[in-house]
Protein backbone atom coordinates (compact mmCIF):
# COMPACT_ATOMS: atom_id res chain seq x y z
CA MET A 1 102.34 104.49 80.08
CA ILE A 2 103.85 105.49 83.41
CA SER A 3 106.81 103.75 85.08
CA ILE A 4 107.96 104.65 88.59
CA GLY A 5 111.34 103.89 90.11
CA LEU A 6 114.16 105.15 92.30
CA THR A 7 117.69 106.45 91.92
CA GLY A 8 119.94 103.45 92.55
CA TRP A 9 118.94 100.13 94.10
CA GLY A 10 121.46 99.77 96.93
CA ASP A 11 119.99 101.94 99.68
CA HIS A 12 116.26 101.23 99.99
CA PRO A 13 115.68 98.86 102.95
CA GLU A 14 111.91 98.97 102.44
CA VAL A 15 112.15 96.87 99.27
CA TYR A 16 114.50 94.12 100.47
CA SER A 17 113.61 90.91 102.19
CA GLU A 18 115.07 90.46 105.67
CA VAL A 19 117.71 88.03 104.47
CA THR A 20 118.76 89.86 101.30
CA ALA A 21 122.51 89.98 100.67
CA ALA A 22 124.08 92.99 98.98
CA LYS A 23 124.46 91.06 95.72
CA ASP A 24 120.71 90.33 95.64
CA LYS A 25 119.42 93.86 96.26
CA LEU A 26 118.77 94.55 92.58
CA PHE A 27 116.68 91.39 92.27
CA ASP A 28 114.58 92.39 95.30
CA TYR A 29 114.25 95.94 93.99
CA SER A 30 112.97 94.65 90.64
CA GLY A 31 110.15 92.94 92.48
CA HIS A 32 108.75 96.37 93.35
CA PHE A 33 109.64 98.75 90.53
CA PRO A 34 110.03 98.32 86.73
CA VAL A 35 112.81 100.91 86.26
CA VAL A 36 115.88 102.20 88.09
CA GLU A 37 118.39 104.96 87.55
CA LEU A 38 121.95 103.67 87.35
CA ASP A 39 123.73 106.52 89.11
CA THR A 40 127.07 104.78 89.72
CA SER A 41 127.87 105.27 86.01
CA PHE A 42 128.26 108.98 86.78
CA TYR A 43 131.33 108.23 88.91
CA ALA A 44 132.86 105.39 86.87
CA ILE A 45 131.77 103.74 83.63
CA PRO A 46 130.64 100.16 84.42
CA SER A 47 132.24 97.25 82.62
CA PRO A 48 130.13 95.22 80.16
CA ALA A 49 130.58 92.26 82.54
CA ASN A 50 128.83 94.13 85.35
CA VAL A 51 126.08 95.25 83.01
CA GLU A 52 125.57 91.64 81.88
CA LYS A 53 125.10 90.61 85.52
CA TRP A 54 122.57 93.40 86.20
CA CYS A 55 120.61 92.47 83.11
CA LYS A 56 120.64 88.81 84.14
CA ASP A 57 119.42 89.71 87.66
CA THR A 58 116.33 91.59 86.44
CA PRO A 59 113.12 90.62 84.62
CA ASP A 60 112.95 90.78 80.82
CA THR A 61 110.95 94.03 80.79
CA PHE A 62 113.01 95.83 83.45
CA GLN A 63 114.56 99.13 82.34
CA PHE A 64 117.65 101.13 83.28
CA VAL A 65 118.09 104.89 83.00
CA VAL A 66 121.87 105.13 82.67
CA LYS A 67 123.41 108.34 83.95
CA ALA A 68 126.17 109.76 81.76
CA TYR A 69 129.72 109.72 83.13
CA GLN A 70 130.83 112.96 84.80
CA GLY A 71 133.65 113.43 82.27
CA MET A 72 131.00 113.66 79.54
CA THR A 73 128.93 116.32 81.29
CA GLY A 74 131.57 118.77 82.54
CA HIS A 75 131.37 117.84 86.23
CA LEU A 76 134.83 116.24 86.41
CA ARG A 77 137.39 118.68 87.81
CA ASP A 78 140.26 116.19 87.88
CA GLU A 79 142.24 114.88 84.93
CA LEU A 80 140.24 112.65 82.62
CA PRO A 81 141.08 108.97 83.37
CA PHE A 82 141.12 108.17 79.66
CA GLU A 83 143.77 108.93 77.05
CA THR A 84 141.27 110.76 74.84
CA LYS A 85 137.66 111.91 74.84
CA ASN A 86 136.95 109.32 72.17
CA ASP A 87 138.19 106.58 74.49
CA MET A 88 135.82 107.85 77.17
CA PHE A 89 132.82 107.87 74.86
CA ASN A 90 133.77 104.46 73.45
CA ALA A 91 133.82 103.01 76.98
CA PHE A 92 130.44 104.53 77.74
CA ARG A 93 128.95 103.29 74.47
CA ASN A 94 130.20 99.76 75.25
CA CYS A 95 128.34 99.99 78.57
CA ALA A 96 125.15 101.37 77.00
CA ASP A 97 125.26 98.87 74.14
CA THR A 98 125.21 95.99 76.59
CA PHE A 99 122.00 97.30 78.17
CA LYS A 100 120.57 97.94 74.71
CA LYS A 101 121.44 94.42 73.53
CA HIS A 102 119.21 93.05 76.30
CA GLY A 103 116.42 95.54 75.54
CA LYS A 104 116.90 97.19 78.94
CA LEU A 105 118.15 100.68 78.10
CA ALA A 106 115.34 103.15 78.75
CA MET A 107 117.57 106.15 78.03
CA VAL A 108 120.89 107.81 78.77
CA LEU A 109 120.52 110.66 81.26
CA VAL A 110 122.86 113.58 80.56
CA GLN A 111 122.74 115.84 83.60
CA PHE A 112 124.66 119.08 83.21
CA PRO A 113 126.16 120.97 86.17
CA PRO A 114 124.78 124.23 87.61
CA TRP A 115 127.43 126.27 85.79
CA PHE A 116 126.34 124.91 82.39
CA ASP A 117 124.29 127.95 81.39
CA CYS A 118 122.41 128.90 78.25
CA GLN A 119 125.02 130.15 75.82
CA GLY A 120 126.16 129.28 72.31
CA LYS A 121 129.13 127.06 73.19
CA ASN A 122 126.95 124.94 75.49
CA VAL A 123 124.26 124.56 72.83
CA GLN A 124 127.02 123.32 70.52
CA TYR A 125 128.19 120.88 73.20
CA ILE A 126 124.70 119.38 73.44
CA ARG A 127 124.87 118.83 69.69
CA TYR A 128 128.23 117.12 70.22
CA ILE A 129 126.72 114.87 72.89
CA LYS A 130 123.88 113.98 70.53
CA GLN A 131 126.43 113.04 67.86
CA GLN A 132 128.54 110.96 70.27
CA LEU A 133 125.47 109.11 71.59
CA GLN A 134 123.78 108.58 68.24
CA GLY A 135 121.31 105.71 68.36
CA TYR A 136 120.35 106.07 72.03
CA SER A 137 117.42 107.81 73.65
CA ILE A 138 119.03 110.81 75.38
CA ALA A 139 117.48 112.76 78.25
CA ILE A 140 118.86 116.22 78.98
CA GLU A 141 118.70 117.63 82.51
CA PHE A 142 119.62 121.24 83.14
CA ARG A 143 120.65 122.65 86.51
CA ASN A 144 120.85 126.30 85.49
CA GLN A 145 117.82 128.59 85.35
CA THR A 146 118.97 130.48 82.26
CA TRP A 147 117.66 127.68 80.03
CA TYR A 148 114.17 128.47 81.32
CA SER A 149 114.32 132.26 81.47
CA PRO A 150 111.25 133.98 79.94
CA GLN A 151 113.14 134.76 76.73
CA MET A 152 114.75 131.30 76.37
CA ARG A 153 112.23 128.77 77.66
CA GLU A 154 110.38 128.20 74.38
CA LYS A 155 113.66 128.12 72.44
CA THR A 156 115.11 125.54 74.85
CA VAL A 157 112.06 123.31 74.52
CA GLN A 158 112.03 123.64 70.74
CA PHE A 159 115.75 122.86 70.54
CA LEU A 160 115.22 119.62 72.48
CA ARG A 161 112.25 118.74 70.30
CA ASP A 162 114.10 119.46 67.05
CA HIS A 163 116.99 117.22 68.09
CA GLN A 164 114.80 114.37 69.40
CA LEU A 165 116.11 114.86 72.93
CA ILE A 166 114.07 113.89 75.98
CA HIS A 167 113.18 116.71 78.33
CA THR A 168 113.97 115.97 81.98
CA VAL A 169 111.33 117.63 84.15
CA CYS A 170 112.66 118.29 87.64
CA ASP A 171 110.92 118.82 90.94
CA GLU A 172 113.55 120.44 93.11
CA PRO A 173 114.07 123.33 95.54
CA GLN A 174 113.93 126.79 94.04
CA ALA A 175 117.23 128.00 95.41
CA GLY A 176 118.78 130.41 92.93
CA SER A 177 120.45 130.02 89.55
CA GLY A 178 121.58 126.45 90.30
CA SER A 179 118.06 125.07 90.28
CA VAL A 180 115.41 124.92 87.58
CA PRO A 181 111.64 125.37 87.69
CA PHE A 182 109.16 122.55 87.16
CA VAL A 183 108.38 122.72 83.42
CA PRO A 184 105.89 119.97 82.51
CA ILE A 185 106.59 119.77 78.78
CA ALA A 186 107.43 116.65 76.79
CA THR A 187 109.69 116.97 73.74
CA ASP A 188 109.80 113.32 72.69
CA GLU A 189 107.70 110.17 72.91
CA LYS A 190 109.41 109.63 76.28
CA VAL A 191 109.67 112.10 79.16
CA LEU A 192 111.70 111.80 82.35
CA ILE A 193 110.61 113.25 85.70
CA ARG A 194 113.26 113.36 88.43
CA ILE A 195 111.97 114.13 91.91
CA HIS A 196 114.73 115.58 94.05
CA GLY A 197 112.80 116.90 97.06
CA ARG A 198 112.24 120.50 98.13
CA ASN A 199 114.89 121.04 100.77
CA VAL A 200 115.84 124.62 99.88
CA HIS A 201 118.41 124.97 102.68
CA GLY A 202 120.08 121.67 101.86
CA TRP A 203 120.20 122.22 98.09
CA ARG A 204 123.06 124.67 98.39
CA ASN A 205 126.45 123.59 99.68
CA ILE A 206 126.42 126.15 102.48
CA GLY A 207 127.38 125.21 106.03
CA HIS A 208 127.00 121.45 105.52
CA GLY A 209 130.62 120.51 104.80
CA GLU A 210 131.14 116.86 103.91
CA ASN A 211 127.50 116.07 104.77
CA TRP A 212 126.20 118.27 101.98
CA ARG A 213 125.17 115.44 99.65
CA LYS A 214 123.34 113.69 102.50
CA VAL A 215 121.39 116.84 103.31
CA ARG A 216 120.77 117.84 99.70
CA PHE A 217 118.09 115.23 99.03
CA LEU A 218 116.64 115.07 102.53
CA TYR A 219 112.91 115.53 102.00
CA ASP A 220 109.68 113.64 102.63
CA TYR A 221 106.81 114.67 100.33
CA ASN A 222 103.48 115.12 102.09
CA GLU A 223 100.16 113.87 100.74
CA GLU A 224 99.12 117.18 99.22
CA GLU A 225 102.43 117.54 97.39
CA LEU A 226 102.21 113.99 96.04
CA GLN A 227 98.64 114.53 94.87
CA LYS A 228 99.68 117.66 92.96
CA LEU A 229 102.66 115.88 91.45
CA ALA A 230 100.35 113.06 90.35
CA GLU A 231 98.27 115.56 88.37
CA GLU A 232 101.41 116.82 86.65
CA ILE A 233 102.46 113.25 85.83
CA LYS A 234 99.06 112.55 84.28
CA PHE A 235 99.35 115.79 82.29
CA LEU A 236 102.72 114.67 80.90
CA ALA A 237 101.32 111.21 80.15
CA ARG A 238 98.86 112.90 77.78
CA GLN A 239 101.80 114.48 75.94
CA SER A 240 104.03 111.42 75.55
CA LYS A 241 103.89 107.66 75.15
CA HIS A 242 105.99 106.79 78.20
CA VAL A 243 106.59 108.77 81.38
CA PHE A 244 109.48 107.65 83.59
CA VAL A 245 109.29 108.94 87.18
CA LEU A 246 112.38 108.60 89.39
CA PHE A 247 112.40 109.52 93.07
CA ASN A 248 115.80 110.83 94.17
CA ASN A 249 114.85 112.14 97.66
CA ASN A 250 116.58 109.38 99.57
CA SER A 251 118.93 111.13 101.99
CA GLY A 252 116.48 110.16 104.74
CA GLY A 253 115.13 107.00 103.10
CA HIS A 254 111.93 108.63 101.86
CA ALA A 255 112.18 107.82 98.15
CA ALA A 256 110.73 104.29 98.23
CA LYS A 257 107.84 105.29 100.48
CA ASN A 258 106.96 108.30 98.34
CA ALA A 259 107.24 106.26 95.14
CA LYS A 260 104.95 103.55 96.51
CA ARG A 261 102.38 106.15 97.53
CA MET A 262 102.57 107.73 94.07
CA GLN A 263 101.90 104.34 92.54
CA GLN A 264 98.77 104.07 94.71
CA ILE A 265 97.57 107.58 93.83
CA LEU A 266 97.95 106.87 90.11
CA ASP A 267 96.38 103.41 90.54
CA LEU A 268 99.24 101.69 88.73
CA GLU A 269 100.00 97.99 88.56
CA PHE A 270 103.40 97.02 87.15
CA ASP A 271 103.52 93.80 85.17
CA GLY A 272 106.54 91.56 84.77
CA LEU A 273 108.19 92.28 88.10
CA ALA A 274 110.53 89.82 89.79
CA PRO A 275 108.85 87.52 92.32
CA LYS A 276 109.04 89.01 95.81
CA GLN A 277 110.99 87.01 98.36
CA LEU A 278 108.90 85.41 101.08
CA GLY A 279 109.85 85.65 104.71
CA LEU A 280 111.15 82.51 106.43
CA PHE A 281 107.72 81.43 107.78
CA GLU A 282 105.48 82.86 105.02
CA GLU A 283 103.66 80.71 102.50
């Protein structure tokens, strides 16, 4: 099974009706795609009340990939806005449990920063994350090449497999130690593919200042690139029961278009979507 979606639902004009209000964007989005990545949870852990609303606004079969809070992954440089680490994990589990209660939690995405390299203390921290998030499907995304060095690649994959952790396969610019190669290997019955674009110059925070994040994911995949990615997706589908594909190349608004084209290439029809809104004079 292959599900295609986007990172976030709030910035994809192509999937909204002309009269869609901000509060209805998720409903419109769920008329096009069966899964979305909740990326706002990286910046602040959503309240169960918000999660209840999102679950109510989406079809029964709709799925969320919930990104782990930055304080859990080592990104947060400021003081932790919780009294203890346990309080932080409890808040995140309350959020995830609400999705799970409604049958809408595809997985928790734990994305580590570029400085999280392959060494013993970081392997131990992944074990700690697994313990803290017991009972959830957990996807691990690395942003440091050392995990995939010739001497460590097989060990990394086997470690994920042994601990029932989902391998996140990334398509991203090859721009030094802070990026990882495309490694099409599934370690669980689910596999996650995150498509970040191939903007090598924009991937690094060099000369872009405050606009860095806008430039980072600025990329429009061409037909040949999408066709090749489709072959890799089919290859991963033969290794696992469910492949989740998330397009994150939306700095220039290309994610929805590329995702729709990928759906066509793979000849996919998604069942159980929300009804699309009709225009004012359509019947």
